[in-house]
Amino acid sequence: MSTLSKGVTSPSDGRLVGSESACRSHRRRELRGIDLMDLSVVIPVKNEAENIAALVGEVCATLDGLVEYEILYVDDGSTDTTVAEISRLAAKIPQIRLLRHTRNCGQSAAIRTGVRAAQAAWIATLDGDGQNDPADIATLWRLGRQASADAPMLIVGHRERRRDRSSKRWASGIANAVRGRVLGDRTPDTGCGLKLFPRALFLDLPYFDHMHRFLPALVLREGGAVRSVPINHRPRRRGKSKYGIFDRLGVGIIDLFGVMWLQHRATQPRLVDQAVPDADATPPFPAVSTPR
C-alpha cells in the first residue's frame, strides 16, 4: 500500500489476486488529477465490516465495462474491523481507495471528504449498509449523461417500496412531507443515500452538518435541476442501523430553518454577454495621439 496523503491509502500496483474478480476487466488509469476517470463512487461507512465485500462486488459488477471508476470508502470513526476489511480488498482491487476520519464526524462530513478527494467529474453516493442496490447506479449514470448542460443536475433515488421497519418509514414520510412543503424541493425522498451529481456542483454548495439531507433544496438554490428516479431498496441483512428516529428529529428542525434562511439569502447573478473583439476589426474609438 502506498500513501497518497494523510489518511488516504491506495494499492501500489494494479494486480488482482484472490477471489475478488468482479473488477478484473477494469484497467485503472494513471491518477494525475481530476477528471481522469468517469465516476467516483463515494461510500461513507461506520462499523459496516460485514457489508463491505458484498457491496464492493456489486458495485464492480455494475460498473465494469460501463465507465472508468473508483470506489472511495470514507471510514467515519469505525470501531470494528471495517478498516481492515476495506484494506484487505484494496490490496486486491485497484479501484478501491480508503480515507479515514480520526473520529466520527457524521455522514455529511464523510461525503464531503470523499467528494473533495474524488478524481472524477461525476459523483455517485451510496449507503454502506447494502440497502441501496448498486445496479441502480447505471440508470442514474445514463440519465446524468443525458442531462442538459444548461443547469447542473442532481439525480436522487426514490425508495418507493422502502424495506425498513414501519416506524422508520412513518417518520421519514412525515419528514419528507414537511421538508417538501417548507422548502419546495419537489423531492419525495431526499434522505435516500443513492444520488448522482457533478463534483463541481456539490463543492459549490454551502456546507454544514447534515447537509446531505437537504441536497435537493441546496441544488435548486444554486440554480441547478433535481430529478427523482424510482430505485430498488433492500432490507438490511447484516449489522445495525446507526440512526434512530429521535436522533434526527431535533437537528432536522433546526437545519430546516437554516436552509430556509439560505434560500432567502440566495442570489444568482447573470453576466452580460460580451462579444470577443475581433483583432482585425476597426477600434470602436479613434486612436489618441500622444503629444510630443
C-alpha atoms as a PDB file:
ATOM      1  CA  MET A   1       0.000   0.000   0.000  1.00  0.00           C
ATOM      2  CA  SER A   2       1.303   3.447  -0.879  1.00  0.00           C
ATOM      3  CA  THR A   3       0.220   6.570   0.963  1.00  0.00           C
ATOM      4  CA  LEU A   4      -1.379   9.263  -1.205  1.00  0.00           C
ATOM      5  CA  SER A   5      -1.905  11.730   1.635  1.00  0.00           C
ATOM      6  CA  LYS A   6      -2.606  11.638   5.323  1.00  0.00           C
ATOM      7  CA  GLY A   7      -5.435   9.214   5.921  1.00  0.00           C
ATOM      8  CA  VAL A   8      -5.699   8.261   2.217  1.00  0.00           C
ATOM      9  CA  THR A   9      -4.294   4.973   1.016  1.00  0.00           C
ATOM     10  CA  SER A  10      -4.214   3.181  -2.300  1.00  0.00           C
ATOM     11  CA  PRO A  11      -2.736  -0.080  -3.578  1.00  0.00           C
ATOM     12  CA  SER A  12       0.737   0.340  -5.037  1.00  0.00           C
ATOM     13  CA  ASP A  13       0.005  -1.683  -8.163  1.00  0.00           C
ATOM     14  CA  GLY A  14      -2.913  -2.796 -10.290  1.00  0.00           C
ATOM     15  CA  ARG A  15      -2.617  -6.557  -9.854  1.00  0.00           C
ATOM     16  CA  LEU A  16      -5.738  -8.523  -8.964  1.00  0.00           C
ATOM     17  CA  VAL A  17      -5.293 -11.635  -6.847  1.00  0.00           C
ATOM     18  CA  GLY A  18      -7.531 -13.937  -4.877  1.00  0.00           C
ATOM     19  CA  SER A  19     -11.262 -14.449  -5.397  1.00  0.00           C
ATOM     20  CA  GLU A  20     -12.364 -10.815  -5.798  1.00  0.00           C
ATOM     21  CA  SER A  21     -12.511 -10.914  -9.612  1.00  0.00           C
ATOM     22  CA  ALA A  22     -15.611  -8.785 -10.226  1.00  0.00           C
ATOM     23  CA  CYS A  23     -13.385  -5.861 -11.246  1.00  0.00           C
ATOM     24  CA  ARG A  24     -10.986  -7.889 -13.402  1.00  0.00           C
ATOM     25  CA  SER A  25     -11.926  -6.209 -16.682  1.00  0.00           C
ATOM     26  CA  HIS A  26     -11.112  -2.749 -15.387  1.00  0.00           C
ATOM     27  CA  ARG A  27      -7.743  -1.164 -16.164  1.00  0.00           C
ATOM     28  CA  ARG A  28      -7.118   1.808 -13.908  1.00  0.00           C
ATOM     29  CA  ARG A  29      -5.667   4.984 -15.423  1.00  0.00           C
ATOM     30  CA  GLU A  30      -2.725   6.885 -14.004  1.00  0.00           C
ATOM     31  CA  LEU A  31      -4.078   9.296 -11.386  1.00  0.00           C
ATOM     32  CA  ARG A  32      -2.636  12.737 -12.054  1.00  0.00           C
ATOM     33  CA  GLY A  33      -5.666  14.953 -11.416  1.00  0.00           C
ATOM     34  CA  ILE A  34      -9.392  15.481 -11.601  1.00  0.00           C
ATOM     35  CA  ASP A  35     -11.466  14.052 -14.460  1.00  0.00           C
ATOM     36  CA  LEU A  36      -9.106  11.207 -15.389  1.00  0.00           C
ATOM     37  CA  MET A  37     -11.983   8.790 -14.930  1.00  0.00           C
ATOM     38  CA  ASP A  38     -15.728   8.963 -15.400  1.00  0.00           C
ATOM     39  CA  LEU A  39     -17.237   8.282 -11.989  1.00  0.00           C
ATOM     40  CA  SER A  40     -16.241   8.278  -8.328  1.00  0.00           C
ATOM     41  CA  VAL A  41     -18.478   6.188  -6.051  1.00  0.00           C
ATOM     42  CA  VAL A  42     -18.363   7.657  -2.528  1.00  0.00           C
ATOM     43  CA  ILE A  43     -19.434   5.349   0.289  1.00  0.00           C
ATOM     44  CA  PRO A  44     -19.405   6.679   3.873  1.00  0.00           C
ATOM     45  CA  VAL A  45     -19.250   3.931   6.495  1.00  0.00           C
ATOM     46  CA  LYS A  46     -19.105   3.392  10.219  1.00  0.00           C
ATOM     47  CA  ASN A  47     -18.940  -0.150  11.630  1.00  0.00           C
ATOM     48  CA  GLU A  48     -20.091  -1.894   8.446  1.00  0.00           C
ATOM     49  CA  ALA A  49     -17.390  -4.579   8.201  1.00  0.00           C
ATOM     50  CA  GLU A  50     -19.895  -7.330   7.383  1.00  0.00           C
ATOM     51  CA  ASN A  51     -21.264  -5.434   4.374  1.00  0.00           C
ATOM     52  CA  ILE A  52     -18.054  -4.289   2.665  1.00  0.00           C
ATOM     53  CA  ALA A  53     -17.120  -7.267   0.481  1.00  0.00           C
ATOM     54  CA  ALA A  54     -20.600  -7.922  -0.889  1.00  0.00           C
ATOM     55  CA  LEU A  55     -21.176  -4.260  -1.709  1.00  0.00           C
ATOM     56  CA  VAL A  56     -17.820  -3.895  -3.474  1.00  0.00           C
ATOM     57  CA  GLY A  57     -18.585  -6.944  -5.607  1.00  0.00           C
ATOM     58  CA  GLU A  58     -21.939  -5.490  -6.656  1.00  0.00           C
ATOM     59  CA  VAL A  59     -20.503  -2.071  -7.487  1.00  0.00           C
ATOM     60  CA  CYS A  60     -17.775  -3.598  -9.630  1.00  0.00           C
ATOM     61  CA  ALA A  61     -20.201  -5.951 -11.371  1.00  0.00           C
ATOM     62  CA  THR A  62     -22.401  -2.962 -12.275  1.00  0.00           C
ATOM     63  CA  LEU A  63     -19.714  -0.550 -13.449  1.00  0.00           C
ATOM     64  CA  ASP A  64     -17.156  -2.825 -15.129  1.00  0.00           C
ATOM     65  CA  GLY A  65     -17.291  -2.145 -18.844  1.00  0.00           C
ATOM     66  CA  LEU A  66     -19.684   0.792 -18.364  1.00  0.00           C
ATOM     67  CA  VAL A  67     -17.380   3.539 -17.036  1.00  0.00           C
ATOM     68  CA  GLU A  68     -13.889   4.166 -15.716  1.00  0.00           C
ATOM     69  CA  TYR A  69     -14.453   4.449 -11.970  1.00  0.00           C
ATOM     70  CA  GLU A  70     -13.090   4.416  -8.461  1.00  0.00           C
ATOM     71  CA  ILE A  71     -14.682   3.402  -5.160  1.00  0.00           C
ATOM     72  CA  LEU A  72     -13.958   5.827  -2.342  1.00  0.00           C
ATOM     73  CA  TYR A  73     -14.700   4.406   1.084  1.00  0.00           C
ATOM     74  CA  VAL A  74     -14.713   7.040   3.834  1.00  0.00           C
ATOM     75  CA  ASP A  75     -14.435   5.470   7.266  1.00  0.00           C
ATOM     76  CA  ASP A  76     -16.082   7.750   9.818  1.00  0.00           C
ATOM     77  CA  GLY A  77     -14.561   6.532  13.066  1.00  0.00           C
ATOM     78  CA  SER A  78     -15.314   2.793  12.921  1.00  0.00           C
ATOM     79  CA  THR A  79     -14.505   0.710  15.990  1.00  0.00           C
ATOM     80  CA  ASP A  80     -14.962  -2.710  14.383  1.00  0.00           C
ATOM     81  CA  THR A  81     -12.929  -4.330  11.572  1.00  0.00           C
ATOM     82  CA  THR A  82     -14.295  -2.089   8.807  1.00  0.00           C
ATOM     83  CA  VAL A  83     -10.894  -0.526   8.059  1.00  0.00           C
ATOM     84  CA  ALA A  84      -9.161  -3.903   7.978  1.00  0.00           C
ATOM     85  CA  GLU A  85     -11.779  -5.302   5.593  1.00  0.00           C
ATOM     86  CA  ILE A  86     -11.555  -2.350   3.210  1.00  0.00           C
ATOM     87  CA  SER A  87      -7.750  -2.509   3.308  1.00  0.00           C
ATOM     88  CA  ARG A  88      -7.829  -6.229   2.542  1.00  0.00           C
ATOM     89  CA  LEU A  89      -9.978  -5.643  -0.540  1.00  0.00           C
ATOM     90  CA  ALA A  90      -7.987  -2.573  -1.626  1.00  0.00           C
ATOM     91  CA  ALA A  91      -4.862  -4.722  -1.797  1.00  0.00           C
ATOM     92  CA  LYS A  92      -6.591  -6.834  -4.444  1.00  0.00           C
ATOM     93  CA  ILE A  93      -8.936  -4.418  -6.218  1.00  0.00           C
ATOM     94  CA  PRO A  94      -7.206  -1.291  -7.573  1.00  0.00           C
ATOM     95  CA  GLN A  95     -10.391   0.773  -7.850  1.00  0.00           C
ATOM     96  CA  ILE A  96     -10.732   0.994  -4.048  1.00  0.00           C
ATOM     97  CA  ARG A  97      -9.361   3.928  -2.078  1.00  0.00           C
ATOM     98  CA  LEU A  98      -9.724   4.301   1.683  1.00  0.00           C
ATOM     99  CA  LEU A  99      -9.976   7.616   3.514  1.00  0.00           C
ATOM    100  CA  ARG A 100     -10.224   7.716   7.305  1.00  0.00           C
ATOM    101  CA  HIS A 101     -11.515  10.268   9.782  1.00  0.00           C
ATOM    102  CA  THR A 102      -9.679  10.300  13.095  1.00  0.00           C
ATOM    103  CA  ARG A 103     -13.059  10.449  14.849  1.00  0.00           C
ATOM    104  CA  ASN A 104     -16.748  10.236  13.997  1.00  0.00           C
ATOM    105  CA  CYS A 105     -17.798  13.416  12.186  1.00  0.00           C
ATOM    106  CA  GLY A 106     -21.127  12.396  10.639  1.00  0.00           C
ATOM    107  CA  GLN A 107     -22.377  11.353   7.224  1.00  0.00           C
ATOM    108  CA  SER A 108     -22.297  14.805   5.630  1.00  0.00           C
ATOM    109  CA  ALA A 109     -18.670  15.286   6.616  1.00  0.00           C
ATOM    110  CA  ALA A 110     -17.784  11.835   5.271  1.00  0.00           C
ATOM    111  CA  ILE A 111     -19.479  12.534   1.950  1.00  0.00           C
ATOM    112  CA  ARG A 112     -17.678  15.865   1.673  1.00  0.00           C
ATOM    113  CA  THR A 113     -14.333  14.204   2.409  1.00  0.00           C
ATOM    114  CA  GLY A 114     -14.963  11.699  -0.361  1.00  0.00           C
ATOM    115  CA  VAL A 115     -16.123  14.274  -2.909  1.00  0.00           C
ATOM    116  CA  ARG A 116     -13.131  16.514  -2.255  1.00  0.00           C
ATOM    117  CA  ALA A 117     -10.738  13.592  -2.761  1.00  0.00           C
ATOM    118  CA  ALA A 118     -12.590  12.224  -5.816  1.00  0.00           C
ATOM    119  CA  GLN A 119     -10.754  12.077  -9.131  1.00  0.00           C
ATOM    120  CA  ALA A 120     -13.793  12.031 -11.423  1.00  0.00           C
ATOM    121  CA  ALA A 121     -16.089  14.823 -12.583  1.00  0.00           C
ATOM    122  CA  TRP A 122     -19.201  12.853 -11.560  1.00  0.00           C
ATOM    123  CA  ILE A 123     -20.028  11.511  -8.100  1.00  0.00           C
ATOM    124  CA  ALA A 124     -22.361   8.699  -7.055  1.00  0.00           C
ATOM    125  CA  THR A 125     -23.072   8.320  -3.345  1.00  0.00           C
ATOM    126  CA  LEU A 126     -24.184   5.054  -1.825  1.00  0.00           C
ATOM    127  CA  ASP A 127     -25.054   3.922   1.708  1.00  0.00           C
ATOM    128  CA  GLY A 128     -22.623   1.378   3.098  1.00  0.00           C
ATOM    129  CA  ASP A 129     -25.245  -0.894   4.685  1.00  0.00           C
ATOM    130  CA  GLY A 130     -26.183  -2.721   1.480  1.00  0.00           C
ATOM    131  CA  GLN A 131     -29.771  -1.447   1.362  1.00  0.00           C
ATOM    132  CA  ASN A 132     -29.150   0.604  -1.796  1.00  0.00           C
ATOM    133  CA  ASP A 133     -28.825  -1.572  -4.897  1.00  0.00           C
ATOM    134  CA  PRO A 134     -25.610  -0.679  -6.797  1.00  0.00           C
ATOM    135  CA  ALA A 135     -27.267  -1.858 -10.017  1.00  0.00           C
ATOM    136  CA  ASP A 136     -29.291   1.371  -9.931  1.00  0.00           C
ATOM    137  CA  ILE A 137     -26.114   3.437 -10.359  1.00  0.00           C
ATOM    138  CA  ALA A 138     -26.143   2.525 -14.060  1.00  0.00           C
ATOM    139  CA  THR A 139     -29.620   4.032 -14.505  1.00  0.00           C
ATOM    140  CA  LEU A 140     -28.658   7.251 -12.725  1.00  0.00           C
ATOM    141  CA  TRP A 141     -25.438   7.458 -14.751  1.00  0.00           C
ATOM    142  CA  ARG A 142     -27.233   7.258 -18.090  1.00  0.00           C
ATOM    143  CA  LEU A 143     -29.738   9.906 -17.019  1.00  0.00           C
ATOM    144  CA  GLY A 144     -26.971  12.175 -15.793  1.00  0.00           C
ATOM    145  CA  ARG A 145     -25.095  11.932 -19.065  1.00  0.00           C
ATOM    146  CA  GLN A 146     -28.264  12.834 -20.983  1.00  0.00           C
ATOM    147  CA  ALA A 147     -28.965  15.918 -18.860  1.00  0.00           C
ATOM    148  CA  SER A 148     -28.871  19.376 -20.376  1.00  0.00           C
ATOM    149  CA  ALA A 149     -25.693  21.349 -19.899  1.00  0.00           C
ATOM    150  CA  ASP A 150     -27.725  24.491 -19.152  1.00  0.00           C
ATOM    151  CA  ALA A 151     -28.281  23.587 -15.493  1.00  0.00           C
ATOM    152  CA  PRO A 152     -26.253  21.112 -13.398  1.00  0.00           C
ATOM    153  CA  MET A 153     -28.425  18.190 -12.313  1.00  0.00           C
ATOM    154  CA  LEU A 154     -28.771  16.235  -9.094  1.00  0.00           C
ATOM    155  CA  ILE A 155     -30.405  12.829  -9.568  1.00  0.00           C
ATOM    156  CA  VAL A 156     -31.909  11.361  -6.389  1.00  0.00           C
ATOM    157  CA  GLY A 157     -33.096   7.832  -5.782  1.00  0.00           C
ATOM    158  CA  HIS A 158     -36.695   7.374  -4.661  1.00  0.00           C
ATOM    159  CA  ARG A 159     -37.311   4.320  -2.472  1.00  0.00           C
ATOM    160  CA  GLU A 160     -40.945   3.788  -3.458  1.00  0.00           C
ATOM    161  CA  ARG A 161     -41.042   0.402  -1.699  1.00  0.00           C
ATOM    162  CA  ARG A 162     -38.830   1.078   1.277  1.00  0.00           C
ATOM    163  CA  ARG A 163     -37.720  -2.041   3.150  1.00  0.00           C
ATOM    164  CA  ASP A 164     -37.446  -0.658   6.669  1.00  0.00           C
ATOM    165  CA  ARG A 165     -39.492  -1.077   9.807  1.00  0.00           C
ATOM    166  CA  SER A 166     -42.812   0.751   9.813  1.00  0.00           C
ATOM    167  CA  SER A 167     -41.783   3.344  12.418  1.00  0.00           C
ATOM    168  CA  LYS A 168     -38.830   4.405  10.289  1.00  0.00           C
ATOM    169  CA  ARG A 169     -40.965   4.663   7.148  1.00  0.00           C
ATOM    170  CA  TRP A 170     -43.558   6.696   9.050  1.00  0.00           C
ATOM    171  CA  ALA A 171     -41.004   9.170  10.427  1.00  0.00           C
ATOM    172  CA  SER A 172     -39.298   9.517   7.043  1.00  0.00           C
ATOM    173  CA  GLY A 173     -42.616  10.128   5.289  1.00  0.00           C
ATOM    174  CA  ILE A 174     -43.540  12.939   7.678  1.00  0.00           C
ATOM    175  CA  ALA A 175     -40.080  14.494   7.414  1.00  0.00           C
ATOM    176  CA  ASN A 176     -40.170  14.456   3.610  1.00  0.00           C
ATOM    177  CA  ALA A 177     -43.650  15.951   3.537  1.00  0.00           C
ATOM    178  CA  VAL A 178     -42.740  18.806   5.911  1.00  0.00           C
ATOM    179  CA  ARG A 179     -39.443  19.480   4.171  1.00  0.00           C
ATOM    180  CA  GLY A 180     -41.087  19.477   0.748  1.00  0.00           C
ATOM    181  CA  ARG A 181     -43.818  21.877   1.868  1.00  0.00           C
ATOM    182  CA  VAL A 182     -41.461  24.304   3.592  1.00  0.00           C
ATOM    183  CA  LEU A 183     -38.538  24.243   1.161  1.00  0.00           C
ATOM    184  CA  GLY A 184     -40.374  23.448  -2.065  1.00  0.00           C
ATOM    185  CA  ASP A 185     -37.698  20.993  -3.163  1.00  0.00           C
ATOM    186  CA  ARG A 186     -40.203  18.790  -5.045  1.00  0.00           C
ATOM    187  CA  THR A 187     -38.301  15.648  -3.967  1.00  0.00           C
ATOM    188  CA  PRO A 188     -40.200  12.745  -2.359  1.00  0.00           C
ATOM    189  CA  ASP A 189     -37.158  11.047  -0.771  1.00  0.00           C
ATOM    190  CA  THR A 190     -34.335  13.475  -0.010  1.00  0.00           C
ATOM    191  CA  GLY A 191     -32.833  11.094   2.560  1.00  0.00           C
ATOM    192  CA  CYS A 192     -32.072   8.365   0.029  1.00  0.00           C
ATOM    193  CA  GLY A 193     -28.336   7.631   0.044  1.00  0.00           C
ATOM    194  CA  LEU A 194     -28.174   6.868  -3.677  1.00  0.00           C
ATOM    195  CA  LYS A 195     -27.516  10.093  -5.586  1.00  0.00           C
ATOM    196  CA  LEU A 196     -25.596  11.223  -8.654  1.00  0.00           C
ATOM    197  CA  PHE A 197     -24.273  14.729  -9.273  1.00  0.00           C
ATOM    198  CA  PRO A 198     -21.355  16.663 -10.772  1.00  0.00           C
ATOM    199  CA  ARG A 199     -18.459  17.073  -8.356  1.00  0.00           C
ATOM    200  CA  ALA A 200     -18.211  20.802  -9.077  1.00  0.00           C
ATOM    201  CA  LEU A 201     -21.891  21.298  -8.220  1.00  0.00           C
ATOM    202  CA  PHE A 202     -21.516  19.745  -4.766  1.00  0.00           C
ATOM    203  CA  LEU A 203     -18.417  21.778  -3.958  1.00  0.00           C
ATOM    204  CA  ASP A 204     -20.300  24.986  -4.811  1.00  0.00           C
ATOM    205  CA  LEU A 205     -22.963  24.261  -2.162  1.00  0.00           C
ATOM    206  CA  PRO A 206     -22.799  25.722   1.359  1.00  0.00           C
ATOM    207  CA  TYR A 207     -21.508  23.073   3.742  1.00  0.00           C
ATOM    208  CA  PHE A 208     -22.969  22.299   7.165  1.00  0.00           C
ATOM    209  CA  ASP A 209     -23.535  19.190   9.249  1.00  0.00           C
ATOM    210  CA  HIS A 210     -26.490  17.110   7.966  1.00  0.00           C
ATOM    211  CA  MET A 211     -26.461  18.941   4.618  1.00  0.00           C
ATOM    212  CA  HIS A 212     -26.799  15.619   2.769  1.00  0.00           C
ATOM    213  CA  ARG A 213     -30.488  15.562   3.741  1.00  0.00           C
ATOM    214  CA  PHE A 214     -31.070  18.914   2.050  1.00  0.00           C
ATOM    215  CA  LEU A 215     -29.162  18.491  -1.202  1.00  0.00           C
ATOM    216  CA  PRO A 216     -32.215  18.991  -3.497  1.00  0.00           C
ATOM    217  CA  ALA A 217     -33.110  22.345  -1.885  1.00  0.00           C
ATOM    218  CA  LEU A 218     -29.471  23.448  -1.931  1.00  0.00           C
ATOM    219  CA  VAL A 219     -29.032  22.492  -5.586  1.00  0.00           C
ATOM    220  CA  LEU A 220     -32.219  24.369  -6.576  1.00  0.00           C
ATOM    221  CA  ARG A 221     -30.940  27.376  -4.629  1.00  0.00           C
ATOM    222  CA  GLU A 222     -27.764  27.204  -6.728  1.00  0.00           C
ATOM    223  CA  GLY A 223     -29.779  27.295  -9.971  1.00  0.00           C
ATOM    224  CA  GLY A 224     -29.464  23.567 -10.675  1.00  0.00           C
ATOM    225  CA  ALA A 225     -32.088  20.957 -11.506  1.00  0.00           C
ATOM    226  CA  VAL A 226     -33.272  17.943  -9.482  1.00  0.00           C
ATOM    227  CA  ARG A 227     -34.754  14.690 -10.756  1.00  0.00           C
ATOM    228  CA  SER A 228     -36.102  11.791  -8.681  1.00  0.00           C
ATOM    229  CA  VAL A 229     -35.844   8.244 -10.016  1.00  0.00           C
ATOM    230  CA  PRO A 230     -37.518   5.114  -8.571  1.00  0.00           C
ATOM    231  CA  ILE A 231     -34.903   2.648  -7.330  1.00  0.00           C
ATOM    232  CA  ASN A 232     -34.733  -0.721  -5.646  1.00  0.00           C
ATOM    233  CA  HIS A 233     -34.456  -0.808  -1.860  1.00  0.00           C
ATOM    234  CA  ARG A 234     -33.448  -3.835   0.186  1.00  0.00           C
ATOM    235  CA  PRO A 235     -33.727  -4.832   3.835  1.00  0.00           C
ATOM    236  CA  ARG A 236     -30.621  -4.602   5.981  1.00  0.00           C
ATOM    237  CA  ARG A 237     -29.248  -8.132   6.258  1.00  0.00           C
ATOM    238  CA  ARG A 238     -26.112  -7.539   8.334  1.00  0.00           C
ATOM    239  CA  GLY A 239     -25.093  -5.057  11.014  1.00  0.00           C
ATOM    240  CA  LYS A 240     -27.160  -2.469  12.857  1.00  0.00           C
ATOM    241  CA  SER A 241     -28.602   0.888  11.872  1.00  0.00           C
ATOM    242  CA  LYS A 242     -26.631   3.860  13.202  1.00  0.00           C
ATOM    243  CA  TYR A 243     -29.626   6.194  13.394  1.00  0.00           C
ATOM    244  CA  GLY A 244     -32.781   6.380  15.449  1.00  0.00           C
ATOM    245  CA  ILE A 245     -35.973   8.336  14.818  1.00  0.00           C
ATOM    246  CA  PHE A 246     -35.352  10.915  17.526  1.00  0.00           C
ATOM    247  CA  ASP A 247     -31.642  11.258  16.672  1.00  0.00           C
ATOM    248  CA  ARG A 248     -32.588  13.157  13.525  1.00  0.00           C
ATOM    249  CA  LEU A 249     -35.758  14.934  14.604  1.00  0.00           C
ATOM    250  CA  GLY A 250     -34.250  17.743  16.682  1.00  0.00           C
ATOM    251  CA  VAL A 251     -31.361  18.635  14.392  1.00  0.00           C
ATOM    252  CA  GLY A 252     -33.663  18.248  11.395  1.00  0.00           C
ATOM    253  CA  ILE A 253     -35.938  21.036  12.617  1.00  0.00           C
ATOM    254  CA  ILE A 254     -33.005  23.355  13.286  1.00  0.00           C
ATOM    255  CA  ASP A 255     -31.442  22.584   9.905  1.00  0.00           C
ATOM    256  CA  LEU A 256     -34.783  23.163   8.181  1.00  0.00           C
ATOM    257  CA  PHE A 257     -34.879  26.761   9.406  1.00  0.00           C
ATOM    258  CA  GLY A 258     -31.234  27.178   8.460  1.00  0.00           C
ATOM    259  CA  VAL A 259     -31.880  26.076   4.864  1.00  0.00           C
ATOM    260  CA  MET A 260     -34.905  28.402   4.705  1.00  0.00           C
ATOM    261  CA  TRP A 261     -32.589  31.274   5.658  1.00  0.00           C
ATOM    262  CA  LEU A 262     -30.115  30.242   2.954  1.00  0.00           C
ATOM    263  CA  GLN A 263     -32.896  30.169   0.363  1.00  0.00           C
ATOM    264  CA  HIS A 264     -33.983  33.705   1.220  1.00  0.00           C
ATOM    265  CA  ARG A 265     -30.394  34.955   1.076  1.00  0.00           C
ATOM    266  CA  ALA A 266     -29.614  33.402  -2.303  1.00  0.00           C
ATOM    267  CA  THR A 267     -28.701  35.469  -5.348  1.00  0.00           C
ATOM    268  CA  GLN A 268     -27.950  34.215  -8.845  1.00  0.00           C
ATOM    269  CA  PRO A 269     -26.120  36.954 -10.736  1.00  0.00           C
ATOM    270  CA  ARG A 270     -26.102  36.807 -14.527  1.00  0.00           C
ATOM    271  CA  LEU A 271     -23.242  38.075 -16.647  1.00  0.00           C
ATOM    272  CA  VAL A 272     -23.787  40.463 -19.525  1.00  0.00           C
ATOM    273  CA  ASP A 273     -22.975  38.744 -22.797  1.00  0.00           C
ATOM    274  CA  GLN A 274     -19.807  40.231 -24.216  1.00  0.00           C
ATOM    275  CA  ALA A 275     -18.649  39.513 -27.725  1.00  0.00           C
ATOM    276  CA  VAL A 276     -14.971  38.698 -28.077  1.00  0.00           C
ATOM    277  CA  PRO A 277     -13.382  41.569 -30.040  1.00  0.00           C
ATOM    278  CA  ASP A 278     -12.004  40.789 -33.470  1.00  0.00           C
ATOM    279  CA  ALA A 279      -8.293  41.570 -33.616  1.00  0.00           C
ATOM    280  CA  ASP A 280      -8.664  42.790 -37.204  1.00  0.00           C
ATOM    281  CA  ALA A 281     -11.717  44.965 -36.547  1.00  0.00           C
ATOM    282  CA  THR A 282     -11.592  48.763 -36.526  1.00  0.00           C
ATOM    283  CA  PRO A 283     -11.296  50.089 -32.968  1.00  0.00           C
ATOM    284  CA  PRO A 284     -14.588  51.470 -31.641  1.00  0.00           C
ATOM    285  CA  PHE A 285     -12.881  54.760 -30.743  1.00  0.00           C
ATOM    286  CA  PRO A 286     -10.381  56.822 -32.746  1.00  0.00           C
ATOM    287  CA  ALA A 287      -6.777  56.432 -31.798  1.00  0.00           C
ATOM    288  CA  VAL A 288      -5.432  59.101 -29.485  1.00  0.00           C
ATOM    289  CA  SER A 289      -2.111  60.607 -30.443  1.00  0.00           C
ATOM    290  CA  THR A 290       0.421  61.278 -27.713  1.00  0.00           C
ATOM    291  CA  PRO A 291       1.674  64.866 -27.592  1.00  0.00           C
ATOM    292  CA  ARG A 292       5.344  65.310 -28.262  1.00  0.00           C
END
